[in-house]
Amino acid sequence: MSKLIKSLAIAAALMSSTAAGAKDMPKIGAAVYGLNAEFMQIWAHALEEHPAVKQKLVDLTIFDGRYDALVQQEQFETMITQNFDAIIFVPIDIEAGAAAVQAAHDAGIPVFGSNTRVNSDLLNSYVGSNDVESGYMEAKYVLDKIGCKGNVVIIEGPIGQSAQIQRLEGNEKALAECPDVKVLEKKTANWSRAEAQNLMENWLTAHPGDIAGVIGQNDEMALGAIEAIKSASLKVEDFAIAGIDGVTDALMAVKNNEMASILQDGAAQAQGALDLAIKAVQPDYEPMSEIWKQYPDMPWNGGKDAEYSVPWTPVTLDNADALLAKRQ
């Protein structure tokens, strides 16, 4: 009997030790709007490569929202039920995502925004880039190239997502500086290269010879427009085309003088958000990502800032090869 009691005591001690270890390892979920395209794949991969994840100091789960606000809401409910310690949120819809943040807040789970915004004042912090700025930058490139005269088309992101809303604001700010430019068409292609190709094929048919510039609110859609132009046996160099994100094919297209792109550092957005999420669970935690050294103009400040803004990097012939080398 004494051996049995001793065995049970040892087992109980082991279970207690295991439970304590599990409790010490923060359980963090990342709810992203969708993982079909390269940019969010880069974002998610960077999260998995974070030193705290690689060293098994944090239990990370990445949820694919499949471009559906309802799916993201259900994923939040799952994380709440499973007692996650913190959540990183990349919402598909700026308004619909607020209910998910509210639910997590009510359950005592801190939520950190990354990449796209949600209309909620309950986020603990946000790590992203200024989409109004990038929308202005890409549109200005197109408008400068066509000499502030002629016709352009705008291929938008998913309607209602913050990047679409803010990049359009930037597009329109640049267009206001060129009153002689007319927007012939403006429609969403949902960040999809294939959808953008179909749109551009239709527009080229509807407006033969009239489109001088293409403002794609991300690279995938700008690349889709390029495919449509090539399929129509037209010359890409006859169009001014710009996108945003700096995905691999866009870097190659910049090298080929087919388009302009602006690098959005998804890796910095993801890893910065994870550092903040861990800090919320473990107050003594110090950031482990290198991104804080990479961007000295974005100081850590003890993880206490409400917003961290990751700078944009215009892709040029001078830096395209170096950016491509980082993808190897």
Protein backbone atom coordinates (compact mmCIF):
# COMPACT_ATOMS: atom_id res chain seq x y z
CA MET A 1 0.00 0.00 0.00
CA SER A 2 2.87 2.37 0.85
CA LYS A 3 4.38 1.73 -2.62
CA LEU A 4 1.05 2.57 -4.24
CA ILE A 5 0.75 5.79 -2.22
CA LYS A 6 4.31 6.69 -3.14
CA SER A 7 3.65 6.01 -6.83
CA LEU A 8 0.50 8.13 -6.75
CA ALA A 9 2.40 10.93 -5.06
CA ILE A 10 5.11 10.84 -7.75
CA ALA A 11 2.46 10.83 -10.50
CA ALA A 12 0.69 13.77 -8.88
CA ALA A 13 3.97 15.66 -8.65
CA LEU A 14 4.70 14.98 -12.33
CA MET A 15 1.22 16.14 -13.34
CA SER A 16 1.64 19.27 -11.23
CA SER A 17 5.02 19.95 -12.84
CA THR A 18 3.58 19.44 -16.33
CA ALA A 19 0.65 21.74 -15.60
CA ALA A 20 3.00 24.39 -14.26
CA GLY A 21 5.17 24.10 -17.39
CA ALA A 22 2.12 24.41 -19.63
CA LYS A 23 0.98 27.44 -17.68
CA ASP A 24 4.42 29.04 -18.03
CA MET A 25 4.28 28.66 -21.82
CA PRO A 26 1.93 31.34 -23.20
CA LYS A 27 -0.76 29.97 -25.50
CA ILE A 28 -1.12 32.51 -28.29
CA GLY A 29 -3.38 32.39 -31.33
CA ALA A 30 -3.00 34.33 -34.58
CA ALA A 31 -6.28 34.86 -36.45
CA VAL A 32 -5.40 35.93 -40.00
CA TYR A 33 -7.89 36.80 -42.71
CA GLY A 34 -6.57 34.25 -45.24
CA LEU A 35 -3.48 32.33 -46.26
CA ASN A 36 -4.00 31.86 -50.00
CA ALA A 37 -1.67 34.61 -51.19
CA GLU A 38 2.07 34.99 -50.72
CA PHE A 39 2.05 38.09 -48.53
CA MET A 40 0.11 36.52 -45.66
CA GLN A 41 2.13 33.33 -46.11
CA ILE A 42 5.25 35.45 -45.54
CA TRP A 43 3.59 37.01 -42.50
CA ALA A 44 2.65 33.61 -41.04
CA HIS A 45 6.06 32.08 -41.79
CA ALA A 46 7.77 34.94 -39.96
CA LEU A 47 5.56 34.26 -36.94
CA GLU A 48 6.64 30.62 -36.95
CA GLU A 49 10.29 31.70 -37.24
CA HIS A 50 10.10 34.02 -34.23
CA PRO A 51 12.87 33.07 -31.75
CA ALA A 52 10.35 32.47 -28.95
CA VAL A 53 8.48 29.97 -31.13
CA LYS A 54 11.65 28.27 -32.37
CA GLN A 55 12.87 27.90 -28.80
CA LYS A 56 9.48 26.54 -27.72
CA LEU A 57 8.91 29.36 -25.25
CA VAL A 58 5.43 29.96 -26.62
CA ASP A 59 2.63 27.73 -27.87
CA LEU A 60 1.54 29.30 -31.18
CA THR A 61 -1.52 28.42 -33.28
CA ILE A 62 -2.23 30.18 -36.61
CA PHE A 63 -5.84 30.19 -37.80
CA ASP A 64 -6.76 30.63 -41.49
CA GLY A 65 -9.80 32.93 -41.64
CA ARG A 66 -10.51 31.96 -45.26
CA TYR A 67 -11.40 35.60 -46.10
CA ASP A 68 -14.62 35.32 -44.08
CA ALA A 69 -15.51 37.50 -41.07
CA LEU A 70 -17.84 34.81 -39.69
CA VAL A 71 -15.06 32.22 -39.78
CA GLN A 72 -12.80 34.61 -37.87
CA GLN A 73 -15.53 35.17 -35.27
CA GLU A 74 -15.83 31.39 -34.78
CA GLN A 75 -12.07 31.08 -34.42
CA PHE A 76 -12.12 33.71 -31.68
CA GLU A 77 -14.83 31.70 -29.90
CA THR A 78 -12.60 28.62 -30.12
CA MET A 79 -9.63 30.48 -28.64
CA ILE A 80 -11.81 31.87 -25.85
CA THR A 81 -13.17 28.41 -25.03
CA GLN A 82 -9.67 26.93 -25.04
CA ASN A 83 -8.35 29.66 -22.71
CA PHE A 84 -5.74 31.18 -24.99
CA ASP A 85 -3.56 33.74 -23.21
CA ALA A 86 -3.42 36.30 -26.05
CA ILE A 87 -4.58 36.76 -29.64
CA ILE A 88 -2.99 38.43 -32.68
CA PHE A 89 -5.68 39.63 -35.09
CA VAL A 90 -5.42 40.35 -38.82
CA PRO A 91 -9.09 41.04 -39.69
CA ILE A 92 -10.81 40.72 -43.05
CA ASP A 93 -13.37 43.40 -42.16
CA ILE A 94 -12.72 46.60 -40.24
CA GLU A 95 -16.23 46.67 -38.72
CA ALA A 96 -17.19 42.99 -38.36
CA GLY A 97 -13.96 42.21 -36.49
CA ALA A 98 -14.97 44.47 -33.60
CA ALA A 99 -17.37 41.87 -32.18
CA ALA A 100 -14.58 39.30 -31.99
CA VAL A 101 -12.31 41.74 -30.17
CA GLN A 102 -15.13 42.57 -27.75
CA ALA A 103 -15.70 38.87 -26.98
CA ALA A 104 -12.02 38.29 -26.26
CA HIS A 105 -11.86 41.44 -24.12
CA ASP A 106 -14.86 40.26 -22.10
CA ALA A 107 -13.07 36.95 -21.53
CA GLY A 108 -9.97 38.76 -20.28
CA ILE A 109 -7.83 37.87 -23.32
CA PRO A 110 -5.65 40.68 -24.72
CA VAL A 111 -5.84 41.21 -28.49
CA PHE A 112 -3.07 42.71 -30.62
CA GLY A 113 -3.73 43.98 -34.13
CA SER A 114 -1.33 43.41 -37.01
CA ASN A 115 -1.31 44.35 -40.72
CA THR A 116 -5.00 45.27 -41.05
CA ARG A 117 -7.11 47.29 -38.67
CA VAL A 118 -10.32 46.77 -36.75
CA ASN A 119 -12.64 49.54 -35.61
CA SER A 120 -12.26 48.90 -31.89
CA ASP A 121 -10.61 50.77 -29.04
CA LEU A 122 -10.15 47.51 -27.12
CA LEU A 123 -6.95 46.42 -28.88
CA ASN A 124 -3.97 46.35 -26.57
CA SER A 125 -1.71 47.53 -29.37
CA TYR A 126 -1.33 47.52 -33.16
CA VAL A 127 1.69 46.75 -35.37
CA GLY A 128 1.26 47.66 -39.02
CA SER A 129 2.06 50.15 -41.75
CA ASN A 130 0.33 53.33 -42.90
CA ASP A 131 -1.88 52.21 -45.79
CA VAL A 132 -2.92 55.75 -46.71
CA GLU A 133 0.75 56.50 -47.30
CA SER A 134 1.29 53.45 -49.53
CA GLY A 135 -1.88 54.17 -51.50
CA TYR A 136 -0.62 57.67 -52.18
CA MET A 137 2.87 56.44 -53.10
CA GLU A 138 1.69 53.87 -55.65
CA ALA A 139 -0.86 56.20 -57.26
CA LYS A 140 1.69 59.01 -57.50
CA TYR A 141 4.08 56.68 -59.32
CA VAL A 142 1.40 55.84 -61.89
CA LEU A 143 0.31 59.46 -62.28
CA ASP A 144 3.85 60.75 -62.60
CA LYS A 145 4.59 58.18 -65.27
CA ILE A 146 1.59 59.21 -67.38
CA GLY A 147 2.35 62.89 -66.89
CA CYS A 148 -0.79 63.58 -64.84
CA LYS A 149 -2.93 63.11 -67.97
CA GLY A 150 -5.05 60.26 -69.31
CA ASN A 151 -7.16 57.47 -67.88
CA VAL A 152 -6.50 54.96 -65.12
CA VAL A 153 -8.22 52.01 -63.48
CA ILE A 154 -8.12 51.06 -59.79
CA ILE A 155 -8.17 47.42 -58.66
CA GLU A 156 -9.27 47.38 -55.03
CA GLY A 157 -8.79 44.96 -52.16
CA PRO A 158 -11.71 43.32 -50.33
CA ILE A 159 -14.35 45.98 -49.74
CA GLY A 160 -14.54 46.82 -46.04
CA GLN A 161 -11.02 45.76 -45.13
CA SER A 162 -8.91 48.54 -43.67
CA ALA A 163 -6.17 48.23 -46.30
CA GLN A 164 -8.71 48.70 -49.09
CA ILE A 165 -10.29 51.69 -47.35
CA GLN A 166 -7.04 53.43 -46.50
CA ARG A 167 -5.18 52.65 -49.71
CA LEU A 168 -8.13 54.04 -51.65
CA GLU A 169 -7.91 57.18 -49.53
CA GLY A 170 -4.25 57.48 -50.52
CA ASN A 171 -5.08 56.76 -54.19
CA GLU A 172 -7.69 59.51 -54.19
CA LYS A 173 -5.34 61.97 -52.48
CA ALA A 174 -2.85 61.53 -55.33
CA LEU A 175 -5.59 61.69 -57.97
CA ALA A 176 -6.80 64.99 -56.53
CA GLU A 177 -3.42 66.42 -57.52
CA CYS A 178 -4.07 65.44 -61.17
CA PRO A 179 -7.52 66.79 -62.11
CA ASP A 180 -6.97 65.88 -65.77
CA VAL A 181 -6.80 62.16 -64.97
CA LYS A 182 -10.03 60.16 -65.20
CA VAL A 183 -10.72 56.93 -63.33
CA LEU A 184 -12.41 54.73 -65.95
CA GLU A 185 -13.08 51.74 -63.68
CA LYS A 186 -12.78 50.92 -59.97
CA LYS A 187 -13.64 47.48 -58.60
CA THR A 188 -12.44 44.88 -56.12
CA ALA A 189 -10.48 41.78 -57.06
CA ASN A 190 -10.19 40.65 -53.41
CA TRP A 191 -6.37 40.62 -53.39
CA SER A 192 -6.55 37.88 -56.07
CA ARG A 193 -4.30 37.72 -59.12
CA ALA A 194 -6.81 35.62 -61.05
CA GLU A 195 -9.73 37.94 -60.27
CA ALA A 196 -7.67 40.96 -61.27
CA GLN A 197 -6.70 39.34 -64.55
CA ASN A 198 -10.36 38.77 -65.38
CA LEU A 199 -11.23 42.36 -64.45
CA MET A 200 -8.42 43.79 -66.55
CA GLU A 201 -9.32 41.61 -69.55
CA ASN A 202 -12.87 42.99 -69.41
CA TRP A 203 -11.66 46.58 -69.03
CA LEU A 204 -9.23 46.29 -71.93
CA THR A 205 -12.14 45.11 -74.09
CA ALA A 206 -14.49 47.83 -72.84
CA HIS A 207 -11.91 50.62 -73.17
CA PRO A 208 -9.62 49.70 -76.07
CA GLY A 209 -6.57 51.93 -76.17
CA ASP A 210 -7.89 54.22 -73.42
CA ILE A 211 -6.22 52.84 -70.26
CA ALA A 212 -2.86 54.44 -69.48
CA GLY A 213 -2.38 53.42 -65.84
CA VAL A 214 -3.28 50.62 -63.43
CA ILE A 215 -3.38 51.25 -59.69
CA GLY A 216 -3.43 47.82 -58.03
CA GLN A 217 -3.93 48.01 -54.29
CA ASN A 218 -1.69 44.98 -53.88
CA ASP A 219 0.97 43.28 -55.99
CA GLU A 220 -1.07 40.18 -56.74
CA MET A 221 -3.72 42.28 -58.48
CA ALA A 222 -1.15 44.39 -60.33
CA LEU A 223 0.44 41.16 -61.55
CA GLY A 224 -2.97 39.93 -62.68
CA ALA A 225 -3.37 43.11 -64.72
CA ILE A 226 0.02 42.49 -66.33
CA GLU A 227 -1.07 38.96 -67.30
CA ALA A 228 -4.22 40.38 -68.89
CA ILE A 229 -2.18 42.91 -70.87
CA LYS A 230 0.15 40.22 -72.12
CA SER A 231 -2.77 37.93 -72.99
CA ALA A 232 -4.24 40.74 -75.10
CA SER A 233 -0.92 40.93 -77.00
CA LEU A 234 -0.35 44.47 -75.73
CA LYS A 235 2.94 45.88 -74.50
CA VAL A 236 3.28 46.12 -70.71
CA GLU A 237 5.67 49.06 -71.10
CA ASP A 238 2.82 51.07 -72.64
CA PHE A 239 1.08 51.06 -69.22
CA ALA A 240 2.03 52.57 -65.86
CA ILE A 241 1.36 49.85 -63.27
CA ALA A 242 1.88 49.81 -59.51
CA GLY A 243 1.15 47.51 -56.60
CA ILE A 244 1.92 47.13 -52.91
CA ASP A 245 3.56 44.40 -50.78
CA GLY A 246 6.83 43.42 -52.47
CA VAL A 247 5.90 39.78 -53.11
CA THR A 248 8.43 37.69 -55.01
CA ASP A 249 6.87 37.94 -58.49
CA ALA A 250 6.48 41.69 -58.06
CA LEU A 251 10.17 42.04 -57.23
CA MET A 252 10.93 40.20 -60.48
CA ALA A 253 8.47 42.42 -62.37
CA VAL A 254 10.19 45.53 -61.00
CA LYS A 255 13.51 44.17 -62.25
CA ASN A 256 11.88 43.70 -65.67
CA ASN A 257 10.57 47.30 -65.63
CA GLU A 258 6.97 46.05 -65.77
CA MET A 259 5.63 47.67 -62.59
CA ALA A 260 6.41 49.53 -59.38
CA SER A 261 6.00 48.02 -55.92
CA ILE A 262 6.32 49.07 -52.30
CA LEU A 263 7.56 46.50 -49.81
CA GLN A 264 5.30 45.95 -46.82
CA ASP A 265 7.34 44.21 -44.13
CA GLY A 266 4.91 41.52 -43.01
CA ALA A 267 7.67 39.78 -41.06
CA ALA A 268 8.19 42.85 -38.88
CA GLN A 269 4.44 43.26 -38.39
CA ALA A 270 4.03 39.62 -37.34
CA GLN A 271 7.05 39.31 -35.08
CA GLY A 272 6.46 42.68 -33.48
CA ALA A 273 2.90 41.69 -32.62
CA LEU A 274 4.07 38.41 -31.10
CA ASP A 275 6.65 40.17 -28.92
CA LEU A 276 3.85 42.41 -27.63
CA ALA A 277 1.51 39.47 -27.02
CA ILE A 278 4.11 37.59 -25.00
CA LYS A 279 4.90 40.73 -23.01
CA ALA A 280 1.22 41.01 -22.05
CA VAL A 281 1.31 37.50 -20.58
CA GLN A 282 4.82 37.65 -19.11
CA PRO A 283 5.53 41.21 -17.84
CA ASP A 284 9.27 40.55 -17.47
CA TYR A 285 9.63 39.44 -21.11
CA GLU A 286 12.08 41.32 -23.33
CA PRO A 287 11.56 41.30 -27.12
CA MET A 288 13.43 38.56 -28.98
CA SER A 289 12.79 39.59 -32.58
CA GLU A 290 15.53 41.42 -34.50
CA ILE A 291 12.98 43.80 -36.02
CA TRP A 292 13.42 46.32 -33.20
CA LYS A 293 17.08 46.71 -34.20
CA GLN A 294 16.16 46.74 -37.90
CA TYR A 295 13.82 49.70 -37.42
CA PRO A 296 15.38 52.07 -34.86
CA ASP A 297 12.73 54.66 -35.71
CA MET A 298 10.18 52.21 -34.26
CA PRO A 299 11.44 51.82 -30.67
CA TRP A 300 10.13 49.09 -28.38
CA ASN A 301 9.35 51.51 -25.54
CA GLY A 302 8.73 48.66 -23.13
CA GLY A 303 5.93 47.30 -25.28
CA LYS A 304 3.64 50.04 -23.97
CA ASP A 305 2.83 52.00 -27.13
CA ALA A 306 -0.68 51.80 -28.55
CA GLU A 307 0.65 51.67 -32.10
CA TYR A 308 3.86 50.66 -33.84
CA SER A 309 4.29 51.81 -37.44
CA VAL A 310 6.54 49.69 -39.70
CA PRO A 311 8.05 51.82 -42.50
CA TRP A 312 7.45 51.15 -46.20
CA THR A 313 10.36 50.36 -48.52
CA PRO A 314 9.94 51.33 -52.20
CA VAL A 315 11.25 48.54 -54.42
CA THR A 316 13.87 49.77 -56.88
CA LEU A 317 16.33 48.31 -59.37
CA ASP A 318 19.00 48.96 -56.75
CA ASN A 319 17.40 46.94 -53.92
CA ALA A 320 15.32 44.32 -55.77
CA ASP A 321 18.08 41.69 -55.82
CA ALA A 322 18.81 42.11 -52.11
CA LEU A 323 15.11 41.78 -51.29
CA LEU A 324 14.87 38.67 -53.48
CA ALA A 325 17.88 37.16 -51.72
CA LYS A 326 16.00 37.31 -48.41
CA ARG A 327 13.32 35.02 -49.88
CA GLN A 328 15.77 32.20 -50.50
